[in-house]
Amino acid sequence: MRIRPILPLLLALAAPAMPSPAAAAGELPRYGVSPLLPPEHWAVRAAARLDGVGLVTGWLPANQAAPMYMVWAALDEGARRAAKERPAMAAVAKGWKEKFQTEWRGIDEKGLLRFLGGQASVGYQYDTVTPSPAAPPPAAWSLTPPAVSTPVVAVEAAGALSDNLALLVAPVGTVWQLRWAGELVAGIGPVSLSAGRAPAQTGFGAPGGGVLFGGEAFHDRVEFQIYRPVDIYIGLLTLDVSLARLGAPMHGANTLLWEWSLQYQPVPRLTFGLQSGIMMGGETWEQATGQPFTISDFFRAITYRGAGTQNNGYSNNIFSFSGRWRLPTEDWVPITLYGEWGADDNGGAWLQAPGIDAGIFIPSLPFAPEVSVGLEASFFGEVCKERTGGTFCRSPGYSLNWYTHVYSWTAGSLPLGHRMGGNGRELLLYGSLDLLDARLLLRGDAFLRDRFSGNLYSPYTGQSGGFDLQAAWRFGAGELGVSGNVEGGSGWSAGGVGARATAFF
């Protein structure tokens, strides 16, 4: 399906004549380039909570992995404003700011050659799944729940040469392998260019969600980003565009992943997003077409021109539209509604086999401001149970399985997309509790799932339920954390526990 002509229309509809968010909420914060923090990082979640109660100006990351300095600007502003505008949250907001400064001790420094901070962790992770995964797997794209037990050692450090150049290095070692993450970021004005291995999540859902991109997968990429929102007079705008390289064991050599995410905010309470991802090229392309993947093929694919062997027919692209609305109810209870509707490029899939994510988020309960809760429902697959070729139904024999195409939407043993792994439905209840001036963090998710056939985790499909719990205690320049998770289905179960100790330097 072609989406290029839709973009101007969406922007026109979403941008009525009204004051810009910057004019309505105050001056936008200014900061330099910095590496990204993953969506599940406690500080990213804290910044989103402050934005959800109206204490932040210009919180608009181009994707849900937010730049470190954007997070710092949000925590700093939230701590300053909470004492006057929301006294019940003043203690926890101040605690978040101080906690972040402990984690990244140079975050408030200026000038050249800044060491932003670092940390070293040791821990142990135990995971198991019953029955054991089949060997070989049922399909080339099959994933299995984690089933390894290993000690883990991790180091992470970041620095900035100036406001225009920053670096993050984060190697992780187990008894099985040494892997790394990190990126080099260079920028001027509000735009940056980075290279490295980093996370991404589109949409506005809970971490691990997102119709197109979510989960906890990192991949090697080059990325262009408007890392600081731009005031275009009819609203704020951010953009993220990246090109990643994927390979064995889940992809043919030199497989490429093109993704972009455009975020537009006409007023502070309302945000729209348009996202797309295209997987193409590499050995898979050459096997299907009998020809090498050329630069002309690349540009035809990323501009959505036609289909067939000479255009993007041997690519696989997915896209979605998302929205977030912060209701004007802060005096009673702050509420944010969000949703995302996506589709594969397969004909009619946007209606007959969509990907849908919708939720309600309460960033701070009025009687317990340290508590946040959310409820999210997700659906991937065919709308009709029977294929008749009607308005809402797929044609007979014309199925669509999210993420399980020849171009598997996976990175290593993790889904690149939604945490559920494709076709199915899920109801997720998530929440967090920050106690003792945010030094004690408790976080938990509980879910009910029904994975349909064709899900990435087949044969671990069918109805299941489970939870994921985490606790972290911050003391001085150290932290202790524990975690546990369980999921049980019909004839199978999976789960794990972990513990870690971290020192910040």
Protein backbone atom coordinates (compact mmCIF):
# COMPACT_ATOMS: atom_id res chain seq x y z
CA MET A 1 0.00 0.00 0.00
CA ARG A 2 1.33 3.44 -0.87
CA ILE A 3 1.49 5.83 2.08
CA ARG A 4 3.55 8.71 0.67
CA PRO A 5 0.51 10.72 -0.60
CA ILE A 6 -1.21 10.36 2.79
CA LEU A 7 1.45 12.24 4.76
CA PRO A 8 0.63 15.81 3.62
CA LEU A 9 -3.07 15.17 4.20
CA LEU A 10 -2.48 13.92 7.75
CA LEU A 11 -0.33 16.93 8.57
CA ALA A 12 -2.90 19.30 7.15
CA LEU A 13 -5.72 17.74 9.17
CA ALA A 14 -3.64 17.67 12.33
CA ALA A 15 -2.44 21.28 12.12
CA PRO A 16 -5.36 23.72 12.49
CA ALA A 17 -4.59 27.40 13.06
CA MET A 18 -3.65 27.64 16.73
CA PRO A 19 -0.75 28.78 18.91
CA SER A 20 2.29 26.54 18.87
CA PRO A 21 3.00 24.31 21.88
CA ALA A 22 6.08 26.39 22.65
CA ALA A 23 4.02 29.55 22.86
CA ALA A 24 1.36 27.82 24.96
CA ALA A 25 3.67 26.09 27.44
CA GLY A 26 6.77 28.30 27.58
CA GLU A 27 10.17 28.26 25.93
CA LEU A 28 11.46 24.95 24.67
CA PRO A 29 14.53 23.66 26.54
CA ARG A 30 17.85 23.75 24.70
CA TYR A 31 20.43 20.99 24.99
CA GLY A 32 23.12 19.27 22.94
CA VAL A 33 23.32 15.86 21.35
CA SER A 34 23.40 12.74 23.49
CA PRO A 35 22.99 8.96 23.16
CA LEU A 36 19.59 7.31 23.51
CA LEU A 37 18.17 5.73 26.64
CA PRO A 38 15.92 2.68 26.02
CA PRO A 39 12.13 3.00 26.48
CA GLU A 40 12.18 0.73 29.55
CA HIS A 41 14.77 2.87 31.38
CA TRP A 42 13.31 4.16 34.64
CA ALA A 43 14.18 7.79 33.79
CA VAL A 44 12.41 7.66 30.40
CA ARG A 45 9.31 6.38 32.15
CA ALA A 46 9.64 9.06 34.84
CA ALA A 47 9.90 11.82 32.22
CA ALA A 48 6.78 10.48 30.48
CA ARG A 49 4.96 10.56 33.82
CA LEU A 50 5.95 14.19 34.41
CA ASP A 51 4.72 15.04 30.94
CA GLY A 52 1.50 13.20 31.70
CA VAL A 53 0.73 15.55 34.60
CA GLY A 54 1.65 18.67 32.62
CA LEU A 55 4.99 19.52 34.25
CA VAL A 56 7.20 19.29 31.15
CA THR A 57 7.64 21.50 28.09
CA GLY A 58 8.50 19.94 24.76
CA TRP A 59 8.57 16.25 25.69
CA LEU A 60 8.49 14.82 22.17
CA PRO A 61 11.11 12.14 21.48
CA ALA A 62 11.23 11.12 17.83
CA ASN A 63 10.83 7.52 18.99
CA GLN A 64 10.31 6.15 22.47
CA ALA A 65 14.03 5.67 23.00
CA ALA A 66 14.76 9.20 24.23
CA PRO A 67 17.99 11.26 24.10
CA MET A 68 19.71 11.45 27.48
CA TYR A 69 19.67 15.25 27.55
CA MET A 70 15.97 15.37 26.67
CA VAL A 71 15.28 13.12 29.64
CA TRP A 72 17.44 15.32 31.89
CA ALA A 73 15.65 18.49 30.72
CA ALA A 74 12.29 16.88 31.56
CA LEU A 75 13.38 15.70 35.03
CA ASP A 76 14.96 19.07 35.84
CA GLU A 77 11.91 21.07 34.75
CA GLY A 78 9.54 18.67 36.48
CA ALA A 79 11.39 18.96 39.78
CA ARG A 80 11.34 22.79 39.59
CA ARG A 81 7.67 23.07 38.68
CA ALA A 82 6.24 20.34 40.89
CA ALA A 83 6.74 22.28 44.14
CA LYS A 84 4.44 25.07 42.89
CA GLU A 85 2.10 23.36 40.47
CA ARG A 86 1.73 19.84 41.92
CA PRO A 87 3.04 19.74 45.52
CA ALA A 88 1.96 16.12 46.03
CA MET A 89 4.55 15.06 43.42
CA ALA A 90 7.32 17.40 44.60
CA ALA A 91 9.20 14.78 46.63
CA VAL A 92 9.18 12.08 43.95
CA ALA A 93 10.03 14.59 41.19
CA LYS A 94 13.01 15.86 43.18
CA GLY A 95 14.00 12.27 43.87
CA TRP A 96 13.96 11.40 40.16
CA LYS A 97 16.23 14.37 39.37
CA GLU A 98 18.73 13.47 42.10
CA LYS A 99 18.64 9.80 41.12
CA PHE A 100 19.47 10.67 37.52
CA GLN A 101 22.33 12.91 38.64
CA THR A 102 23.73 9.98 40.61
CA GLU A 103 23.50 7.76 37.56
CA TRP A 104 24.95 10.37 35.17
CA ARG A 105 26.97 12.64 37.41
CA GLY A 106 28.12 14.97 34.62
CA ILE A 107 24.70 15.51 33.08
CA ASP A 108 24.43 19.13 34.28
CA GLU A 109 27.94 20.17 33.23
CA LYS A 110 28.77 22.47 30.31
CA GLY A 111 31.78 23.03 28.08
CA LEU A 112 34.24 20.68 26.42
CA LEU A 113 35.31 17.14 27.31
CA ARG A 114 32.47 16.21 29.67
CA PHE A 115 32.31 12.79 31.27
CA LEU A 116 28.59 12.19 31.63
CA GLY A 117 28.96 9.15 33.85
CA GLY A 118 29.23 5.41 33.89
CA GLN A 119 28.15 2.25 35.65
CA ALA A 120 29.28 -1.32 36.13
CA SER A 121 26.97 -4.23 36.94
CA VAL A 122 27.32 -7.87 37.89
CA GLY A 123 24.43 -10.27 38.14
CA TYR A 124 22.91 -13.62 37.34
CA GLN A 125 19.95 -14.44 35.12
CA TYR A 126 18.10 -17.75 35.21
CA ASP A 127 15.53 -18.55 32.49
CA THR A 128 13.72 -21.75 31.64
CA VAL A 129 11.03 -22.98 29.25
CA THR A 130 9.07 -26.26 29.24
CA PRO A 131 8.96 -28.18 26.96
CA SER A 132 12.40 -27.45 25.57
CA PRO A 133 12.55 -25.77 22.15
CA ALA A 134 12.56 -28.04 19.13
CA ALA A 135 15.78 -28.52 17.17
CA PRO A 136 15.66 -27.55 14.39
CA PRO A 137 12.94 -24.92 15.00
CA PRO A 138 9.57 -25.40 13.26
CA ALA A 139 10.26 -22.47 10.91
CA ALA A 140 13.18 -20.22 10.04
CA TRP A 141 11.52 -17.32 11.86
CA SER A 142 10.58 -19.26 15.02
CA LEU A 143 11.48 -17.71 18.37
CA THR A 144 11.44 -19.35 21.79
CA PRO A 145 11.18 -17.85 25.27
CA PRO A 146 14.61 -17.41 26.91
CA ALA A 147 16.02 -20.70 28.19
CA VAL A 148 19.56 -19.86 29.34
CA SER A 149 21.09 -19.32 32.77
CA THR A 150 24.23 -17.27 32.98
CA PRO A 151 26.17 -14.70 34.98
CA VAL A 152 26.21 -11.26 33.38
CA VAL A 153 28.81 -8.49 33.56
CA ALA A 154 28.01 -5.10 32.01
CA VAL A 155 29.76 -1.75 31.77
CA GLU A 156 28.33 1.49 30.42
CA ALA A 157 29.99 4.90 30.03
CA ALA A 158 29.11 8.10 28.19
CA GLY A 159 30.86 11.36 27.42
CA ALA A 160 30.49 14.50 25.35
CA LEU A 161 33.21 16.43 23.57
CA SER A 162 30.82 19.39 23.29
CA ASP A 163 27.15 20.06 22.59
CA ASN A 164 27.82 18.69 19.10
CA LEU A 165 29.49 15.32 19.75
CA ALA A 166 28.72 12.54 22.25
CA LEU A 167 29.60 8.87 22.73
CA LEU A 168 28.10 5.94 24.64
CA VAL A 169 29.84 2.56 24.97
CA ALA A 170 28.10 -0.36 26.70
CA PRO A 171 29.63 -3.87 26.41
CA VAL A 172 27.79 -6.79 28.04
CA GLY A 173 29.47 -10.12 28.72
CA THR A 174 28.10 -13.56 29.63
CA VAL A 175 29.74 -16.97 29.74
CA TRP A 176 28.35 -17.48 26.22
CA GLN A 177 29.23 -14.29 24.43
CA LEU A 178 30.38 -10.69 24.49
CA ARG A 179 28.00 -8.22 22.91
CA TRP A 180 27.96 -4.47 22.87
CA ALA A 181 25.69 -1.48 22.45
CA GLY A 182 26.43 2.20 22.12
CA GLU A 183 26.58 4.97 19.59
CA LEU A 184 28.54 7.96 18.38
CA VAL A 185 26.30 11.02 17.94
CA ALA A 186 27.17 14.23 16.08
CA GLY A 187 24.80 17.13 15.57
CA ILE A 188 24.27 20.77 14.81
CA GLY A 189 21.24 22.82 15.74
CA PRO A 190 18.30 20.48 16.43
CA VAL A 191 19.45 17.62 14.15
CA SER A 192 21.92 14.79 14.69
CA LEU A 193 23.50 11.87 12.88
CA SER A 194 24.53 8.78 14.85
CA ALA A 195 26.06 5.38 14.22
CA GLY A 196 26.07 2.35 16.49
CA ARG A 197 23.83 -0.22 18.15
CA ALA A 198 20.82 1.30 19.86
CA PRO A 199 17.18 0.59 20.79
CA ALA A 200 13.98 1.89 19.21
CA GLN A 201 10.26 1.81 19.83
CA THR A 202 7.55 3.60 17.89
CA GLY A 203 4.06 4.44 19.03
CA PHE A 204 3.06 5.57 22.51
CA GLY A 205 2.43 2.26 24.25
CA ALA A 206 4.04 0.60 27.24
CA PRO A 207 7.69 -0.44 26.78
CA GLY A 208 7.88 -3.60 24.72
CA GLY A 209 4.82 -2.57 22.73
CA GLY A 210 4.45 -0.56 19.57
CA VAL A 211 2.72 -1.98 16.52
CA LEU A 212 5.80 -1.64 14.30
CA PHE A 213 8.84 -1.54 16.59
CA GLY A 214 9.11 -2.45 20.25
CA GLY A 215 10.51 -5.23 22.37
CA GLU A 216 14.05 -4.98 23.73
CA ALA A 217 15.98 -5.59 20.51
CA PHE A 218 19.02 -3.52 19.56
CA HIS A 219 20.39 -3.38 16.04
CA ASP A 220 23.32 -1.85 14.17
CA ARG A 221 22.25 1.30 12.38
CA VAL A 222 22.94 4.76 11.08
CA GLU A 223 20.34 7.25 12.24
CA PHE A 224 19.25 10.79 11.39
CA GLN A 225 17.15 12.45 14.05
CA ILE A 226 15.57 15.74 14.99
CA TYR A 227 16.65 15.14 18.57
CA ARG A 228 15.22 18.42 19.89
CA PRO A 229 11.64 19.33 18.87
CA VAL A 230 11.35 22.06 16.25
CA ASP A 231 8.67 24.74 16.55
CA ILE A 232 7.12 25.05 13.07
CA TYR A 233 4.56 27.68 14.31
CA ILE A 234 1.63 25.31 13.87
CA GLY A 235 3.10 22.84 16.35
CA LEU A 236 6.20 20.89 17.27
CA LEU A 237 7.84 18.36 14.98
CA THR A 238 10.42 15.60 15.42
CA LEU A 239 11.68 12.99 12.98
CA ASP A 240 13.76 9.82 13.23
CA VAL A 241 15.10 8.01 10.14
CA SER A 242 17.48 5.05 10.34
CA LEU A 243 19.03 2.33 8.20
CA ALA A 244 20.04 -0.88 9.98
CA ARG A 245 21.90 -3.96 8.85
CA LEU A 246 20.62 -7.39 9.87
CA GLY A 247 22.14 -10.81 9.35
CA ALA A 248 22.47 -14.38 10.61
CA PRO A 249 20.95 -16.35 12.16
CA MET A 250 17.48 -14.93 11.42
CA HIS A 251 18.16 -13.08 8.15
CA GLY A 252 20.06 -13.48 4.93
CA ALA A 253 23.39 -11.67 4.85
CA ASN A 254 23.23 -7.90 4.32
CA THR A 255 19.48 -7.61 4.90
CA LEU A 256 18.56 -3.95 5.38
CA LEU A 257 15.95 -2.40 7.66
CA TRP A 258 14.74 1.13 6.88
CA GLU A 259 12.57 2.79 9.50
CA TRP A 260 11.23 6.25 10.18
CA SER A 261 9.00 7.89 12.74
CA LEU A 262 7.44 11.37 12.43
CA GLN A 263 5.92 12.96 15.54
CA TYR A 264 3.74 16.09 15.36
CA GLN A 265 2.27 17.99 18.31
CA PRO A 266 -0.19 20.78 17.37
CA VAL A 267 -0.88 21.58 21.05
CA PRO A 268 0.79 20.26 24.24
CA ARG A 269 -2.05 17.83 24.99
CA LEU A 270 -2.27 16.23 21.55
CA THR A 271 0.36 14.30 19.59
CA PHE A 272 0.18 12.42 16.30
CA GLY A 273 2.70 9.96 14.90
CA LEU A 274 3.31 8.34 11.54
CA GLN A 275 5.68 5.37 11.41
CA SER A 276 7.02 2.99 8.79
CA GLY A 277 9.49 0.14 8.46
CA ILE A 278 10.81 -1.62 5.36
CA MET A 279 12.94 -4.78 5.28
CA MET A 280 14.72 -5.46 2.00
CA GLY A 281 17.84 -6.53 0.13
CA GLY A 282 20.53 -9.02 0.99
CA GLU A 283 20.63 -12.71 0.08
CA THR A 284 16.84 -13.02 0.34
CA TRP A 285 16.38 -10.44 -2.39
CA GLU A 286 18.96 -12.07 -4.65
CA GLN A 287 17.42 -15.52 -4.22
CA ALA A 288 13.94 -14.21 -5.05
CA THR A 289 14.88 -12.02 -8.01
CA GLY A 290 18.06 -13.65 -9.32
CA GLN A 291 19.60 -10.18 -9.34
CA PRO A 292 21.73 -8.19 -6.90
CA PHE A 293 20.09 -5.52 -4.78
CA THR A 294 21.04 -2.13 -6.25
CA ILE A 295 20.86 1.46 -5.09
CA SER A 296 17.94 1.95 -7.52
CA ASP A 297 16.09 -0.92 -5.81
CA PHE A 298 16.75 0.73 -2.47
CA PHE A 299 15.28 4.09 -3.50
CA ARG A 300 12.27 2.44 -5.12
CA ALA A 301 11.60 0.55 -1.90
CA ILE A 302 11.87 3.52 0.48
CA THR A 303 9.68 5.70 -1.74
CA TYR A 304 6.92 3.02 -1.90
CA ARG A 305 6.84 2.96 -5.69
CA GLY A 306 4.73 0.17 -7.07
CA ALA A 307 5.12 -3.56 -6.57
CA GLY A 308 6.60 -6.47 -8.43
CA THR A 309 10.05 -7.76 -9.11
CA GLN A 310 11.39 -4.44 -10.34
CA ASN A 311 10.03 -2.33 -7.47
CA ASN A 312 9.33 -3.11 -3.83
CA GLY A 313 7.59 -6.45 -4.34
CA TYR A 314 10.43 -8.40 -2.76
CA SER A 315 10.57 -6.06 0.23
CA ASN A 316 8.25 -6.19 3.20
CA ASN A 317 6.96 -2.92 4.60
CA ILE A 318 4.71 -2.11 7.52
CA PHE A 319 3.35 1.24 8.63
CA SER A 320 1.14 2.77 11.31
CA PHE A 321 -0.59 5.93 12.50
CA SER A 322 -0.62 6.73 16.22
CA GLY A 323 -2.06 9.34 18.55
CA ARG A 324 -1.87 10.46 22.17
CA TRP A 325 -4.25 12.75 24.03
CA ARG A 326 -3.61 14.10 27.52
CA LEU A 327 -7.05 14.85 28.89
CA PRO A 328 -7.69 18.17 30.71
CA THR A 329 -8.44 16.35 33.97
CA GLU A 330 -5.28 17.00 36.04
CA ASP A 331 -7.24 18.62 38.89
CA TRP A 332 -9.11 15.36 39.35
CA VAL A 333 -6.91 12.62 37.94
CA PRO A 334 -4.36 12.91 35.10
CA ILE A 335 -5.26 10.62 32.20
CA THR A 336 -3.59 10.00 28.85
CA LEU A 337 -5.29 8.05 26.07
CA TYR A 338 -3.19 6.58 23.29
CA GLY A 339 -3.56 4.32 20.30
CA GLU A 340 -1.85 3.00 17.19
CA TRP A 341 -3.28 1.38 14.05
CA GLY A 342 -0.91 -0.35 11.66
CA ALA A 343 -0.84 -2.57 8.64
CA ASP A 344 1.34 -4.67 6.41
CA ASP A 345 1.63 -3.61 2.75
CA ASN A 346 -0.43 -6.70 1.84
CA GLY A 347 -3.58 -5.54 0.00
CA GLY A 348 -6.44 -4.61 2.34
CA ALA A 349 -4.43 -5.51 5.44
CA TRP A 350 -5.03 -2.12 7.10
CA LEU A 351 -8.66 -3.15 7.66
CA GLN A 352 -8.77 -6.96 7.33
CA ALA A 353 -5.61 -7.86 9.28
CA PRO A 354 -4.51 -4.79 11.24
CA GLY A 355 -2.16 -4.31 14.14
CA ILE A 356 -3.87 -2.34 16.91
CA ASP A 357 -2.55 -1.02 20.20
CA ALA A 358 -4.75 1.10 22.51
CA GLY A 359 -4.46 2.10 26.12
CA ILE A 360 -5.13 4.41 29.02
CA PHE A 361 -2.32 5.69 31.23
CA ILE A 362 -2.62 7.36 34.64
CA PRO A 363 0.83 8.78 35.47
CA SER A 364 0.03 9.67 39.08
CA LEU A 365 -2.87 8.57 41.26
CA PRO A 366 -4.46 11.46 43.20
CA PHE A 367 -4.38 9.57 46.50
CA ALA A 368 -0.93 8.06 45.84
CA PRO A 369 1.16 10.33 43.58
CA GLU A 370 4.08 7.89 43.63
CA VAL A 371 1.97 5.30 41.76
CA SER A 372 1.31 5.09 38.02
CA VAL A 373 -0.94 2.55 36.31
CA GLY A 374 -1.91 1.73 32.74
CA LEU A 375 -4.14 -0.67 30.85
CA GLU A 376 -3.34 -1.65 27.26
CA ALA A 377 -5.09 -3.86 24.72
CA SER A 378 -3.36 -5.15 21.57
CA PHE A 379 -4.59 -7.10 18.55
CA PHE A 380 -2.75 -8.47 15.50
CA GLY A 381 -4.34 -10.59 12.81
CA GLU A 382 -7.44 -11.13 10.73
CA VAL A 383 -10.64 -9.39 11.72
CA CYS A 384 -12.98 -12.11 10.41
CA LYS A 385 -12.82 -15.69 11.58
CA GLU A 386 -13.96 -16.95 8.18
CA ARG A 387 -12.36 -15.86 4.92
CA THR A 388 -15.06 -14.78 2.48
CA GLY A 389 -13.40 -11.93 0.64
CA GLY A 390 -15.96 -9.49 2.04
CA THR A 391 -15.40 -5.96 3.35
CA PHE A 392 -13.79 -7.01 6.63
CA CYS A 393 -12.62 -10.47 5.63
CA ARG A 394 -9.56 -11.83 3.89
CA SER A 395 -10.01 -13.85 0.73
CA PRO A 396 -9.79 -17.65 1.09
CA GLY A 397 -6.21 -18.81 1.23
CA TYR A 398 -4.94 -15.23 1.52
CA SER A 399 -3.63 -15.11 5.08
CA LEU A 400 -1.36 -12.58 6.74
CA ASN A 401 0.90 -13.33 9.70
CA TRP A 402 2.42 -10.30 11.35
CA TYR A 403 6.26 -10.37 11.53
CA THR A 404 6.62 -13.91 10.07
CA HIS A 405 7.42 -13.12 6.44
CA VAL A 406 10.56 -14.21 4.63
CA TYR A 407 12.04 -11.01 6.04
CA SER A 408 11.60 -12.02 9.67
CA TRP A 409 10.99 -9.05 11.97
CA THR A 410 13.46 -10.26 14.56
CA ALA A 411 16.90 -9.37 15.87
CA GLY A 412 18.78 -12.34 17.28
CA SER A 413 16.31 -14.12 19.55
CA LEU A 414 14.05 -11.10 20.12
CA PRO A 415 11.13 -9.63 18.17
CA LEU A 416 11.77 -6.27 16.54
CA GLY A 417 8.06 -5.60 16.87
CA HIS A 418 5.49 -5.94 19.61
CA ARG A 419 6.48 -8.02 22.65
CA MET A 420 3.70 -10.56 21.91
CA GLY A 421 5.43 -11.61 18.69
CA GLY A 422 2.72 -11.01 16.11
CA ASN A 423 -0.67 -12.59 15.47
CA GLY A 424 -2.75 -12.70 18.63
CA ARG A 425 -4.26 -10.47 21.29
CA GLU A 426 -3.14 -9.25 24.67
CA LEU A 427 -4.52 -7.39 27.66
CA LEU A 428 -1.74 -5.79 29.72
CA LEU A 429 -1.99 -4.12 33.12
CA TYR A 430 1.20 -2.25 34.04
CA GLY A 431 2.27 -0.01 36.89
CA SER A 432 5.11 1.36 38.95
CA LEU A 433 5.65 2.60 42.49
CA ASP A 434 8.45 5.01 43.47
CA LEU A 435 8.98 5.17 47.24
CA LEU A 436 11.41 6.89 49.62
CA ASP A 437 12.04 9.86 47.32
CA ALA A 438 12.33 7.51 44.33
CA ARG A 439 15.17 5.46 45.86
CA LEU A 440 12.96 2.34 45.87
CA LEU A 441 11.37 1.41 42.55
CA LEU A 442 8.78 -1.34 42.20
CA ARG A 443 7.49 -2.14 38.72
CA GLY A 444 5.10 -4.81 37.55
CA ASP A 445 3.15 -6.04 34.51
CA ALA A 446 0.37 -8.62 34.41
CA PHE A 447 -1.05 -9.94 31.15
CA LEU A 448 -3.44 -12.28 29.42
CA ARG A 449 -2.49 -13.40 25.90
CA ASP A 450 -3.86 -15.49 23.08
CA ARG A 451 -1.18 -16.08 20.47
CA PHE A 452 -2.64 -17.25 17.15
CA SER A 453 -0.98 -19.68 14.75
CA GLY A 454 1.77 -18.01 12.77
CA ASN A 455 2.99 -16.08 15.80
CA LEU A 456 6.78 -15.77 16.04
CA TYR A 457 6.69 -17.92 19.20
CA SER A 458 4.93 -20.88 17.60
CA PRO A 459 4.56 -23.56 18.91
CA TYR A 460 4.34 -21.63 22.22
CA THR A 461 0.92 -20.33 21.23
CA GLY A 462 -2.64 -20.36 22.53
CA GLN A 463 -4.01 -18.75 25.65
CA SER A 464 -1.56 -17.83 28.39
CA GLY A 465 -1.16 -15.54 31.37
CA GLY A 466 1.68 -14.23 33.43
CA PHE A 467 3.50 -11.38 35.09
CA ASP A 468 6.83 -9.56 35.15
CA LEU A 469 8.05 -7.95 38.39
CA GLN A 470 11.09 -5.78 39.11
CA ALA A 471 12.46 -4.05 42.20
CA ALA A 472 15.47 -1.75 42.54
CA TRP A 473 16.92 -0.10 45.65
CA ARG A 474 19.24 2.90 45.16
CA PHE A 475 21.70 3.74 47.94
CA GLY A 476 24.51 6.25 47.55
CA ALA A 477 26.35 5.43 44.32
CA GLY A 478 25.03 1.87 44.13
CA GLU A 479 21.89 -0.09 43.35
CA LEU A 480 20.57 -3.58 43.97
CA GLY A 481 17.91 -5.05 41.72
CA VAL A 482 15.88 -8.24 41.45
CA SER A 483 13.39 -9.42 38.83
CA GLY A 484 11.11 -12.32 38.08
CA ASN A 485 8.70 -13.34 35.35
CA VAL A 486 6.32 -16.21 34.59
CA GLU A 487 4.13 -17.09 31.63
CA GLY A 488 2.02 -20.23 31.49
CA GLY A 489 0.03 -21.56 28.55
CA SER A 490 -1.68 -24.72 27.41
CA GLY A 491 0.99 -27.42 27.68
CA TRP A 492 3.94 -25.03 28.14
CA SER A 493 5.43 -22.59 30.62
CA ALA A 494 8.33 -20.13 30.74
CA GLY A 495 9.87 -17.98 33.41
CA GLY A 496 12.98 -16.61 35.00
CA VAL A 497 14.54 -14.76 37.91
CA GLY A 498 17.49 -12.40 38.06
CA ALA A 499 19.55 -10.31 40.43
CA ARG A 500 22.16 -7.62 39.87
CA ALA A 501 24.36 -5.14 41.71
CA THR A 502 25.37 -1.84 40.08
CA ALA A 503 27.94 0.80 40.98
CA PHE A 504 27.83 4.28 39.40
CA PHE A 505 31.02 6.21 38.73
